[in-house]
PDB file of N, CA and C in Angstrom:
ATOM      1  N   MET A   1     108.039  98.056  70.011  1.00  0.00           N
ATOM      2  CA  MET A   1     106.705  98.538  70.274  1.00  0.00           C
ATOM      3  C   MET A   1     106.347  98.229  71.727  1.00  0.00           C
ATOM      4  N   LEU A   2     105.805  99.200  72.431  1.00  0.00           N
ATOM      5  CA  LEU A   2     105.383  99.015  73.810  1.00  0.00           C
ATOM      6  C   LEU A   2     103.914  98.652  73.850  1.00  0.00           C
ATOM      7  N   THR A   3     103.583  97.692  74.671  1.00  0.00           N
ATOM      8  CA  THR A   3     102.180  97.329  74.840  1.00  0.00           C
ATOM      9  C   THR A   3     101.850  97.328  76.322  1.00  0.00           C
ATOM     10  N   GLN A   4     100.603  97.538  76.627  1.00  0.00           N
ATOM     11  CA  GLN A   4     100.126  97.500  78.007  1.00  0.00           C
ATOM     12  C   GLN A   4      99.911  96.053  78.418  1.00  0.00           C
ATOM     13  N   ASN A   5     100.182  95.760  79.669  1.00  0.00           N
ATOM     14  CA  ASN A   5      99.857  94.456  80.223  1.00  0.00           C
ATOM     15  C   ASN A   5      98.349  94.438  80.442  1.00  0.00           C
ATOM     16  N   PRO A   6      97.585  93.563  79.802  1.00  0.00           N
ATOM     17  CA  PRO A   6      96.133  93.596  79.923  1.00  0.00           C
ATOM     18  C   PRO A   6      95.628  93.321  81.331  1.00  0.00           C
ATOM     19  N   SER A   7      96.459  92.735  82.194  1.00  0.00           N
ATOM     20  CA  SER A   7      96.006  92.482  83.559  1.00  0.00           C
ATOM     21  C   SER A   7      96.132  93.719  84.440  1.00  0.00           C
ATOM     22  N   GLU A   8      96.775  94.766  83.955  1.00  0.00           N
ATOM     23  CA  GLU A   8      96.926  95.997  84.716  1.00  0.00           C
ATOM     24  C   GLU A   8      95.716  96.892  84.474  1.00  0.00           C
ATOM     25  N   PRO A   9      94.949  97.226  85.516  1.00  0.00           N
ATOM     26  CA  PRO A   9      93.785  98.089  85.319  1.00  0.00           C
ATOM     27  C   PRO A   9      94.204  99.486  84.876  1.00  0.00           C
ATOM     28  N   LEU A  10      93.371 100.095  84.063  1.00  0.00           N
ATOM     29  CA  LEU A  10      93.639 101.430  83.558  1.00  0.00           C
ATOM     30  C   LEU A  10      92.601 102.405  84.084  1.00  0.00           C
ATOM     31  N   THR A  11      93.034 103.657  84.249  1.00  0.00           N
ATOM     32  CA  THR A  11      92.102 104.713  84.605  1.00  0.00           C
ATOM     33  C   THR A  11      91.319 105.084  83.354  1.00  0.00           C
ATOM     34  N   PRO A  12      90.238 105.885  83.471  1.00  0.00           N
ATOM     35  CA  PRO A  12      89.506 106.306  82.270  1.00  0.00           C
ATOM     36  C   PRO A  12      90.384 107.074  81.289  1.00  0.00           C
ATOM     37  N   GLN A  13      91.485 107.670  81.778  1.00  0.00           N
ATOM     38  CA  GLN A  13      92.394 108.405  80.897  1.00  0.00           C
ATOM     39  C   GLN A  13      93.413 107.481  80.229  1.00  0.00           C
ATOM     40  N   GLY A  14      93.336 106.165  80.491  1.00  0.00           N
ATOM     41  CA  GLY A  14      94.228 105.205  79.852  1.00  0.00           C
ATOM     42  C   GLY A  14      95.545 104.998  80.581  1.00  0.00           C
ATOM     43  N   ARG A  15      95.707 105.578  81.771  1.00  0.00           N
ATOM     44  CA  ARG A  15      96.936 105.385  82.544  1.00  0.00           C
ATOM     45  C   ARG A  15      96.766 104.208  83.483  1.00  0.00           C
ATOM     46  N   ARG A  16      97.897 103.612  83.865  1.00  0.00           N
ATOM     47  CA  ARG A  16      97.850 102.527  84.847  1.00  0.00           C
ATOM     48  C   ARG A  16      97.375 103.068  86.184  1.00  0.00           C
ATOM     49  N   MET A  17      96.516 102.296  86.836  1.00  0.00           N
ATOM     50  CA  MET A  17      95.996 102.682  88.133  1.00  0.00           C
ATOM     51  C   MET A  17      97.056 102.411  89.186  1.00  0.00           C
ATOM     52  N   SER A  18      97.174 103.306  90.175  1.00  0.00           N
ATOM     53  CA  SER A  18      98.063 103.044  91.294  1.00  0.00           C
ATOM     54  C   SER A  18      97.219 102.847  92.552  1.00  0.00           C
ATOM     55  N   TYR A  19      97.833 102.285  93.575  1.00  0.00           N
ATOM     56  CA  TYR A  19      97.115 101.888  94.784  1.00  0.00           C
ATOM     57  C   TYR A  19      97.797 102.439  96.020  1.00  0.00           C
ATOM     58  N   GLN A  20      96.991 102.890  96.953  1.00  0.00           N
ATOM     59  CA  GLN A  20      97.482 103.349  98.246  1.00  0.00           C
ATOM     60  C   GLN A  20      97.243 102.232  99.249  1.00  0.00           C
ATOM     61  N   CYS A  21      98.251 101.931 100.039  1.00  0.00           N
ATOM     62  CA  CYS A  21      98.122 100.905 101.072  1.00  0.00           C
ATOM     63  C   CYS A  21      98.501 101.546 102.398  1.00  0.00           C
ATOM     64  N   TRP A  22      97.797 101.180 103.436  1.00  0.00           N
ATOM     65  CA  TRP A  22      98.143 101.684 104.764  1.00  0.00           C
ATOM     66  C   TRP A  22      97.656 100.721 105.830  1.00  0.00           C
ATOM     67  N   ALA A  23      98.295 100.820 106.965  1.00  0.00           N
ATOM     68  CA  ALA A  23      97.907 100.033 108.131  1.00  0.00           C
ATOM     69  C   ALA A  23      97.972 100.942 109.349  1.00  0.00           C
ATOM     70  N   ALA A  24      97.029 100.733 110.258  1.00  0.00           N
ATOM     71  CA  ALA A  24      96.998 101.521 111.495  1.00  0.00           C
ATOM     72  C   ALA A  24      96.427 100.665 112.619  1.00  0.00           C
ATOM     73  N   ALA A  25      96.846 100.992 113.822  1.00  0.00           N
ATOM     74  CA  ALA A  25      96.310 100.358 115.026  1.00  0.00           C
ATOM     75  C   ALA A  25      95.440 101.388 115.724  1.00  0.00           C
ATOM     76  N   TYR A  26      94.301 100.942 116.219  1.00  0.00           N
ATOM     77  CA  TYR A  26      93.380 101.807 116.957  1.00  0.00           C
ATOM     78  C   TYR A  26      93.181 101.222 118.346  1.00  0.00           C
ATOM     79  N   THR A  27      93.525 102.012 119.364  1.00  0.00           N
ATOM     80  CA  THR A  27      93.315 101.574 120.737  1.00  0.00           C
ATOM     81  C   THR A  27      91.913 101.975 121.167  1.00  0.00           C
ATOM     82  N   HIS A  28      91.541 101.614 122.373  1.00  0.00           N
ATOM     83  CA  HIS A  28      90.215 101.965 122.890  1.00  0.00           C
ATOM     84  C   HIS A  28      90.017 103.482 122.947  1.00  0.00           C
ATOM     85  N   GLN A  29      91.109 104.252 122.915  1.00  0.00           N
ATOM     86  CA  GLN A  29      91.009 105.708 122.912  1.00  0.00           C
ATOM     87  C   GLN A  29      90.651 106.247 121.532  1.00  0.00           C
ATOM     88  N   GLY A  30      90.755 105.414 120.519  1.00  0.00           N
ATOM     89  CA  GLY A  30      90.354 105.797 119.173  1.00  0.00           C
ATOM     90  C   GLY A  30      91.403 106.530 118.369  1.00  0.00           C
ATOM     91  N   THR A  31      92.544 106.814 118.952  1.00  0.00           N
ATOM     92  CA  THR A  31      93.598 107.522 118.232  1.00  0.00           C
ATOM     93  C   THR A  31      94.362 106.538 117.352  1.00  0.00           C
ATOM     94  N   PRO A  32      94.442 106.809 116.050  1.00  0.00           N
ATOM     95  CA  PRO A  32      95.168 105.868 115.178  1.00  0.00           C
ATOM     96  C   PRO A  32      96.678 105.946 115.389  1.00  0.00           C
ATOM     97  N   ILE A  33      97.302 104.792 115.350  1.00  0.00           N
ATOM     98  CA  ILE A  33      98.760 104.695 115.395  1.00  0.00           C
ATOM     99  C   ILE A  33      99.185 104.149 114.041  1.00  0.00           C
ATOM    100  N   PRO A  34      99.826 104.967 113.205  1.00  0.00           N
ATOM    101  CA  PRO A  34     100.217 104.494 111.870  1.00  0.00           C
ATOM    102  C   PRO A  34     101.201 103.333 111.951  1.00  0.00           C
ATOM    103  N   LEU A  35     100.956 102.312 111.132  1.00  0.00           N
ATOM    104  CA  LEU A  35     101.825 101.138 111.075  1.00  0.00           C
ATOM    105  C   LEU A  35     102.475 100.972 109.705  1.00  0.00           C
ATOM    106  N   GLY A  36     102.334 101.972 108.862  1.00  0.00           N
ATOM    107  CA  GLY A  36     102.988 101.933 107.569  1.00  0.00           C
ATOM    108  C   GLY A  36     102.081 102.325 106.426  1.00  0.00           C
ATOM    109  N   THR A  37     102.693 102.836 105.390  1.00  0.00           N
ATOM    110  CA  THR A  37     102.000 103.166 104.147  1.00  0.00           C
ATOM    111  C   THR A  37     102.862 102.691 102.986  1.00  0.00           C
ATOM    112  N   HIS A  38     102.218 102.548 101.846  1.00  0.00           N
ATOM    113  CA  HIS A  38     102.942 102.089 100.656  1.00  0.00           C
ATOM    114  C   HIS A  38     102.151 102.483  99.419  1.00  0.00           C
ATOM    115  N   ALA A  39     102.841 102.871  98.366  1.00  0.00           N
ATOM    116  CA  ALA A  39     102.213 103.111  97.066  1.00  0.00           C
ATOM    117  C   ALA A  39     102.577 101.933  96.173  1.00  0.00           C
ATOM    118  N   ALA A  40     101.571 101.271  95.617  1.00  0.00           N
ATOM    119  CA  ALA A  40     101.790 100.094  94.778  1.00  0.00           C
ATOM    120  C   ALA A  40     101.310 100.380  93.360  1.00  0.00           C
ATOM    121  N   GLY A  41     101.971  99.794  92.395  1.00  0.00           N
ATOM    122  CA  GLY A  41     101.637 100.034  90.998  1.00  0.00           C
ATOM    123  C   GLY A  41     100.655  99.053  90.394  1.00  0.00           C
ATOM    124  N   SER A  42     100.230  98.047  91.170  1.00  0.00           N
ATOM    125  CA  SER A  42      99.291  97.060  90.638  1.00  0.00           C
ATOM    126  C   SER A  42      98.519  96.434  91.802  1.00  0.00           C
ATOM    127  N   PRO A  43      97.372  95.819  91.505  1.00  0.00           N
ATOM    128  CA  PRO A  43      96.633  95.131  92.566  1.00  0.00           C
ATOM    129  C   PRO A  43      97.470  94.045  93.246  1.00  0.00           C
ATOM    130  N   ARG A  44      98.255  93.320  92.468  1.00  0.00           N
ATOM    131  CA  ARG A  44      99.062  92.238  93.028  1.00  0.00           C
ATOM    132  C   ARG A  44     100.122  92.770  93.991  1.00  0.00           C
ATOM    133  N   LEU A  45     100.744  93.905  93.647  1.00  0.00           N
ATOM    134  CA  LEU A  45     101.738  94.502  94.546  1.00  0.00           C
ATOM    135  C   LEU A  45     101.075  95.059  95.807  1.00  0.00           C
ATOM    136  N   ALA A  46      99.872  95.582  95.669  1.00  0.00           N
ATOM    137  CA  ALA A  46      99.131  96.060  96.841  1.00  0.00           C
ATOM    138  C   ALA A  46      98.799  94.880  97.755  1.00  0.00           C
ATOM    139  N   LEU A  47      98.350  93.778  97.181  1.00  0.00           N
ATOM    140  CA  LEU A  47      98.043  92.584  97.975  1.00  0.00           C
ATOM    141  C   LEU A  47      99.302  92.064  98.649  1.00  0.00           C
ATOM    142  N   ARG A  48     100.411  92.066  97.955  1.00  0.00           N
ATOM    143  CA  ARG A  48     101.673  91.595  98.541  1.00  0.00           C
ATOM    144  C   ARG A  48     102.041  92.435  99.768  1.00  0.00           C
ATOM    145  N   TRP A  49     101.839  93.752  99.675  1.00  0.00           N
ATOM    146  CA  TRP A  49     102.126  94.613 100.821  1.00  0.00           C
ATOM    147  C   TRP A  49     101.195  94.268 101.988  1.00  0.00           C
ATOM    148  N   LEU A  50      99.904  94.076 101.699  1.00  0.00           N
ATOM    149  CA  LEU A  50      98.961  93.689 102.755  1.00  0.00           C
ATOM    150  C   LEU A  50      99.399  92.376 103.414  1.00  0.00           C
ATOM    151  N   GLN A  51      99.848  91.434 102.624  1.00  0.00           N
ATOM    152  CA  GLN A  51     100.288  90.149 103.162  1.00  0.00           C
ATOM    153  C   GLN A  51     101.509  90.330 104.075  1.00  0.00           C
ATOM    154  N   GLN A  52     102.462  91.138 103.637  1.00  0.00           N
ATOM    155  CA  GLN A  52     103.662  91.347 104.438  1.00  0.00           C
ATOM    156  C   GLN A  52     103.337  92.050 105.755  1.00  0.00           C
ATOM    157  N   ARG A  53     102.492  93.087 105.703  1.00  0.00           N
ATOM    158  CA  ARG A  53     102.139  93.808 106.939  1.00  0.00           C
ATOM    159  C   ARG A  53     101.310  92.903 107.851  1.00  0.00           C
ATOM    160  N   THR A  54     100.427  92.093 107.283  1.00  0.00           N
ATOM    161  CA  THR A  54      99.642  91.174 108.098  1.00  0.00           C
ATOM    162  C   THR A  54     100.565  90.188 108.810  1.00  0.00           C
ATOM    163  N   GLU A  55     101.554  89.697 108.107  1.00  0.00           N
ATOM    164  CA  GLU A  55     102.504  88.773 108.723  1.00  0.00           C
ATOM    165  C   GLU A  55     103.267  89.458 109.856  1.00  0.00           C
ATOM    166  N   HIS A  56     103.690  90.705 109.638  1.00  0.00           N
ATOM    167  CA  HIS A  56     104.409  91.435 110.685  1.00  0.00           C
ATOM    168  C   HIS A  56     103.529  91.634 111.920  1.00  0.00           C
ATOM    169  N   ILE A  57     102.272  91.976 111.698  1.00  0.00           N
ATOM    170  CA  ILE A  57     101.362  92.212 112.821  1.00  0.00           C
ATOM    171  C   ILE A  57     101.057  90.910 113.558  1.00  0.00           C
ATOM    172  N   THR A  58     100.726  89.863 112.824  1.00  0.00           N
ATOM    173  CA  THR A  58     100.375  88.595 113.484  1.00  0.00           C
ATOM    174  C   THR A  58     101.556  88.002 114.241  1.00  0.00           C
ATOM    175  N   ASP A  59     102.779  88.255 113.767  1.00  0.00           N
ATOM    176  CA  ASP A  59     103.966  87.765 114.473  1.00  0.00           C
ATOM    177  C   ASP A  59     104.081  88.379 115.870  1.00  0.00           C
ATOM    178  N   GLN A  60     103.448  89.524 116.086  1.00  0.00           N
ATOM    179  CA  GLN A  60     103.551  90.215 117.364  1.00  0.00           C
ATOM    180  C   GLN A  60     102.343  89.980 118.281  1.00  0.00           C
ATOM    181  N   LEU A  61     101.339  89.281 117.780  1.00  0.00           N
ATOM    182  CA  LEU A  61     100.143  89.019 118.580  1.00  0.00           C
ATOM    183  C   LEU A  61     100.265  87.684 119.306  1.00  0.00           C
ATOM    184  N   ASP A  62      99.529  87.554 120.393  1.00  0.00           N
ATOM    185  CA  ASP A  62      99.441  86.257 121.075  1.00  0.00           C
ATOM    186  C   ASP A  62      98.778  85.266 120.121  1.00  0.00           C
ATOM    187  N   PRO A  63      99.132  83.978 120.217  1.00  0.00           N
ATOM    188  CA  PRO A  63      98.616  82.982 119.266  1.00  0.00           C
ATOM    189  C   PRO A  63      97.106  83.003 119.021  1.00  0.00           C
ATOM    190  N   PRO A  64      96.258  83.108 120.037  1.00  0.00           N
ATOM    191  CA  PRO A  64      94.818  83.104 119.722  1.00  0.00           C
ATOM    192  C   PRO A  64      94.377  84.302 118.879  1.00  0.00           C
ATOM    193  N   HIS A  65      95.010  85.444 119.095  1.00  0.00           N
ATOM    194  CA  HIS A  65      94.649  86.640 118.333  1.00  0.00           C
ATOM    195  C   HIS A  65      95.318  86.669 116.959  1.00  0.00           C
ATOM    196  N   ALA A  66      96.429  85.955 116.824  1.00  0.00           N
ATOM    197  CA  ALA A  66      97.135  85.890 115.542  1.00  0.00           C
ATOM    198  C   ALA A  66      96.460  84.941 114.562  1.00  0.00           C
ATOM    199  N   GLN A  67      95.659  83.998 115.068  1.00  0.00           N
ATOM    200  CA  GLN A  67      95.071  82.958 114.219  1.00  0.00           C
ATOM    201  C   GLN A  67      94.260  83.508 113.035  1.00  0.00           C
ATOM    202  N   PRO A  68      93.381  84.506 113.215  1.00  0.00           N
ATOM    203  CA  PRO A  68      92.647  85.007 112.040  1.00  0.00           C
ATOM    204  C   PRO A  68      93.570  85.585 110.959  1.00  0.00           C
ATOM    205  N   GLY A  69      94.632  86.268 111.379  1.00  0.00           N
ATOM    206  CA  GLY A  69      95.589  86.794 110.401  1.00  0.00           C
ATOM    207  C   GLY A  69      96.336  85.693 109.690  1.00  0.00           C
ATOM    208  N   ARG A  70      96.719  84.670 110.418  1.00  0.00           N
ATOM    209  CA  ARG A  70      97.407  83.539 109.795  1.00  0.00           C
ATOM    210  C   ARG A  70      96.486  82.790 108.838  1.00  0.00           C
ATOM    211  N   HIS A  71      95.223  82.668 109.226  1.00  0.00           N
ATOM    212  CA  HIS A  71      94.247  82.039 108.337  1.00  0.00           C
ATOM    213  C   HIS A  71      94.117  82.857 107.047  1.00  0.00           C
ATOM    214  N   TRP A  72      94.021  84.181 107.164  1.00  0.00           N
ATOM    215  CA  TRP A  72      93.899  85.048 105.988  1.00  0.00           C
ATOM    216  C   TRP A  72      95.136  84.896 105.100  1.00  0.00           C
ATOM    217  N   LEU A  73      96.309  84.808 105.707  1.00  0.00           N
ATOM    218  CA  LEU A  73      97.543  84.683 104.929  1.00  0.00           C
ATOM    219  C   LEU A  73      97.559  83.419 104.077  1.00  0.00           C
ATOM    220  N   ALA A  74      96.875  82.365 104.514  1.00  0.00           N
ATOM    221  CA  ALA A  74      96.862  81.092 103.784  1.00  0.00           C
ATOM    222  C   ALA A  74      95.645  80.938 102.874  1.00  0.00           C
ATOM    223  N   ASP A  75      94.754  81.898 102.872  1.00  0.00           N
ATOM    224  CA  ASP A  75      93.480  81.789 102.147  1.00  0.00           C
ATOM    225  C   ASP A  75      93.603  82.329 100.717  1.00  0.00           C
ATOM    226  N   GLU A  76      93.994  81.452  99.793  1.00  0.00           N
ATOM    227  CA  GLU A  76      94.191  81.854  98.388  1.00  0.00           C
ATOM    228  C   GLU A  76      92.904  82.387  97.746  1.00  0.00           C
ATOM    229  N   ALA A  77      91.776  81.795  98.089  1.00  0.00           N
ATOM    230  CA  ALA A  77      90.502  82.266  97.517  1.00  0.00           C
ATOM    231  C   ALA A  77      90.221  83.697  97.946  1.00  0.00           C
ATOM    232  N   GLU A  78      90.518  84.023  99.185  1.00  0.00           N
ATOM    233  CA  GLU A  78      90.312  85.399  99.657  1.00  0.00           C
ATOM    234  C   GLU A  78      91.286  86.360  98.994  1.00  0.00           C
ATOM    235  N   HIS A  79      92.490  85.906  98.725  1.00  0.00           N
ATOM    236  CA  HIS A  79      93.461  86.748  98.015  1.00  0.00           C
ATOM    237  C   HIS A  79      92.960  87.064  96.600  1.00  0.00           C
ATOM    238  N   GLU A  80      92.402  86.069  95.932  1.00  0.00           N
ATOM    239  CA  GLU A  80      91.837  86.294  94.602  1.00  0.00           C
ATOM    240  C   GLU A  80      90.661  87.277  94.667  1.00  0.00           C
ATOM    241  N   ARG A  81      89.855  87.149  95.717  1.00  0.00           N
ATOM    242  CA  ARG A  81      88.735  88.077  95.915  1.00  0.00           C
ATOM    243  C   ARG A  81      89.266  89.490  96.115  1.00  0.00           C
ATOM    244  N   ALA A  82      90.320  89.643  96.904  1.00  0.00           N
ATOM    245  CA  ALA A  82      90.923  90.959  97.139  1.00  0.00           C
ATOM    246  C   ALA A  82      91.455  91.539  95.827  1.00  0.00           C
ATOM    247  N   LEU A  83      92.130  90.710  95.037  1.00  0.00           N
ATOM    248  CA  LEU A  83      92.638  91.176  93.737  1.00  0.00           C
ATOM    249  C   LEU A  83      91.498  91.638  92.838  1.00  0.00           C
ATOM    250  N   GLY A  84      90.400  90.894  92.858  1.00  0.00           N
ATOM    251  CA  GLY A  84      89.239  91.281  92.055  1.00  0.00           C
ATOM    252  C   GLY A  84      88.682  92.631  92.465  1.00  0.00           C
ATOM    253  N   HIS A  85      88.573  92.854  93.772  1.00  0.00           N
ATOM    254  CA  HIS A  85      88.090  94.153  94.255  1.00  0.00           C
ATOM    255  C   HIS A  85      89.016  95.275  93.801  1.00  0.00           C
ATOM    256  N   LEU A  86      90.311  95.088  94.001  1.00  0.00           N
ATOM    257  CA  LEU A  86      91.277  96.127  93.650  1.00  0.00           C
ATOM    258  C   LEU A  86      91.288  96.401  92.145  1.00  0.00           C
ATOM    259  N   ALA A  87      91.270  95.345  91.344  1.00  0.00           N
ATOM    260  CA  ALA A  87      91.270  95.516  89.884  1.00  0.00           C
ATOM    261  C   ALA A  87      90.008  96.227  89.403  1.00  0.00           C
ATOM    262  N   ALA A  88      88.904  96.046  90.126  1.00  0.00           N
ATOM    263  CA  ALA A  88      87.639  96.700  89.763  1.00  0.00           C
ATOM    264  C   ALA A  88      87.574  98.137  90.277  1.00  0.00           C
ATOM    265  N   GLY A  89      88.600  98.565  91.012  1.00  0.00           N
ATOM    266  CA  GLY A  89      88.611  99.934  91.508  1.00  0.00           C
ATOM    267  C   GLY A  89      87.993 100.106  92.884  1.00  0.00           C
ATOM    268  N   THR A  90      87.847  99.009  93.629  1.00  0.00           N
ATOM    269  CA  THR A  90      87.243  99.034  94.957  1.00  0.00           C
ATOM    270  C   THR A  90      88.308  98.764  96.011  1.00  0.00           C
ATOM    271  N   ALA A  91      88.201  99.438  97.139  1.00  0.00           N
ATOM    272  CA  ALA A  91      89.140  99.227  98.238  1.00  0.00           C
ATOM    273  C   ALA A  91      88.925  97.855  98.872  1.00  0.00           C
ATOM    274  N   TYR A  92      89.984  97.350  99.491  1.00  0.00           N
ATOM    275  CA  TYR A  92      89.920  96.098 100.229  1.00  0.00           C
ATOM    276  C   TYR A  92      90.470  96.354 101.621  1.00  0.00           C
ATOM    277  N   GLN A  93      89.757  95.865 102.646  1.00  0.00           N
ATOM    278  CA  GLN A  93      90.161  96.093 104.031  1.00  0.00           C
ATOM    279  C   GLN A  93      90.213  94.777 104.794  1.00  0.00           C
ATOM    280  N   LEU A  94      91.226  94.655 105.630  1.00  0.00           N
ATOM    281  CA  LEU A  94      91.368  93.527 106.535  1.00  0.00           C
ATOM    282  C   LEU A  94      91.460  94.091 107.945  1.00  0.00           C
ATOM    283  N   THR A  95      90.685  93.555 108.874  1.00  0.00           N
ATOM    284  CA  THR A  95      90.710  94.007 110.269  1.00  0.00           C
ATOM    285  C   THR A  95      91.071  92.835 111.167  1.00  0.00           C
ATOM    286  N   LEU A  96      92.059  93.057 112.030  1.00  0.00           N
ATOM    287  CA  LEU A  96      92.480  92.097 113.037  1.00  0.00           C
ATOM    288  C   LEU A  96      92.333  92.770 114.392  1.00  0.00           C
ATOM    289  N   HIS A  97      92.304  91.994 115.465  1.00  0.00           N
ATOM    290  CA  HIS A  97      92.209  92.632 116.781  1.00  0.00           C
ATOM    291  C   HIS A  97      92.751  91.727 117.871  1.00  0.00           C
ATOM    292  N   ASP A  98      93.093  92.362 118.971  1.00  0.00           N
ATOM    293  CA  ASP A  98      93.370  91.644 120.208  1.00  0.00           C
ATOM    294  C   ASP A  98      92.493  92.274 121.284  1.00  0.00           C
ATOM    295  N   GLU A  99      92.812  92.073 122.560  1.00  0.00           N
ATOM    296  CA  GLU A  99      91.920  92.570 123.609  1.00  0.00           C
ATOM    297  C   GLU A  99      91.719  94.085 123.560  1.00  0.00           C
ATOM    298  N   ASP A 100      92.790  94.817 123.296  1.00  0.00           N
ATOM    299  CA  ASP A 100      92.751  96.272 123.431  1.00  0.00           C
ATOM    300  C   ASP A 100      92.881  97.046 122.129  1.00  0.00           C
ATOM    301  N   THR A 101      93.255  96.394 121.060  1.00  0.00           N
ATOM    302  CA  THR A 101      93.626  97.114 119.844  1.00  0.00           C
ATOM    303  C   THR A 101      92.998  96.480 118.619  1.00  0.00           C
ATOM    304  N   ARG A 102      92.587  97.333 117.695  1.00  0.00           N
ATOM    305  CA  ARG A 102      92.068  96.898 116.399  1.00  0.00           C
ATOM    306  C   ARG A 102      93.099  97.324 115.347  1.00  0.00           C
ATOM    307  N   TYR A 103      93.462  96.418 114.465  1.00  0.00           N
ATOM    308  CA  TYR A 103      94.447  96.670 113.413  1.00  0.00           C
ATOM    309  C   TYR A 103      93.709  96.679 112.079  1.00  0.00           C
ATOM    310  N   ILE A 104      93.830  97.777 111.366  1.00  0.00           N
ATOM    311  CA  ILE A 104      93.146  97.899 110.080  1.00  0.00           C
ATOM    312  C   ILE A 104      94.198  98.039 108.993  1.00  0.00           C
ATOM    313  N   LEU A 105      94.071  97.192 107.973  1.00  0.00           N
ATOM    314  CA  LEU A 105      94.960  97.228 106.816  1.00  0.00           C
ATOM    315  C   LEU A 105      94.099  97.447 105.587  1.00  0.00           C
ATOM    316  N   VAL A 106      94.476  98.401 104.752  1.00  0.00           N
ATOM    317  CA  VAL A 106      93.655  98.787 103.604  1.00  0.00           C
ATOM    318  C   VAL A 106      94.530  98.948 102.365  1.00  0.00           C
ATOM    319  N   ALA A 107      94.009  98.499 101.247  1.00  0.00           N
ATOM    320  CA  ALA A 107      94.573  98.817  99.931  1.00  0.00           C
ATOM    321  C   ALA A 107      93.429  99.381  99.120  1.00  0.00           C
ATOM    322  N   SER A 108      93.686 100.493  98.436  1.00  0.00           N
ATOM    323  CA  SER A 108      92.637 101.118  97.636  1.00  0.00           C
ATOM    324  C   SER A 108      93.251 101.818  96.433  1.00  0.00           C
ATOM    325  N   PRO A 109      92.460 101.954  95.364  1.00  0.00           N
ATOM    326  CA  PRO A 109      92.961 102.719  94.230  1.00  0.00           C
ATOM    327  C   PRO A 109      93.286 104.138  94.674  1.00  0.00           C
ATOM    328  N   ALA A 110      94.356 104.692  94.138  1.00  0.00           N
ATOM    329  CA  ALA A 110      94.756 106.064  94.492  1.00  0.00           C
ATOM    330  C   ALA A 110      93.597 107.013  94.266  1.00  0.00           C
ATOM    331  N   GLY A 111      93.407 107.909  95.197  1.00  0.00           N
ATOM    332  CA  GLY A 111      92.332 108.883  95.092  1.00  0.00           C
ATOM    333  C   GLY A 111      91.052 108.461  95.782  1.00  0.00           C
ATOM    334  N   THR A 112      90.987 107.216  96.261  1.00  0.00           N
ATOM    335  CA  THR A 112      89.818 106.756  96.994  1.00  0.00           C
ATOM    336  C   THR A 112      89.891 107.318  98.412  1.00  0.00           C
ATOM    337  N   PRO A 113      88.822 107.916  98.921  1.00  0.00           N
ATOM    338  CA  PRO A 113      88.874 108.441 100.290  1.00  0.00           C
ATOM    339  C   PRO A 113      89.094 107.325 101.299  1.00  0.00           C
ATOM    340  N   ARG A 114      89.793 107.657 102.379  1.00  0.00           N
ATOM    341  CA  ARG A 114      90.061 106.685 103.445  1.00  0.00           C
ATOM    342  C   ARG A 114      88.837 106.447 104.220  1.00  0.00           C
TER     343      ARG A 114
END
């Protein structure tokens, strides 16, 4: 007998919800530079992708600008908050920046407008 994992959010039609993840860099010119996309099958997998992309981005920033990303990576309470938003069907966004560029990382339920 197959059963649903109760921690997996369901759509109103009873299907498992999927999540869209993306990251982009925005320069002062405002043109987005894509830094990756991912389709995740659960809030936890979406959060894991956000964590991995955040680590990749912070590894390339100067230490003072990397600090907020590193702090976010270690903040378990914020990760739980992000999971709660995603499980409730709400997008979660993380923004990092340096002098010239803003980095936006987003996870949202599939079908949510960007």
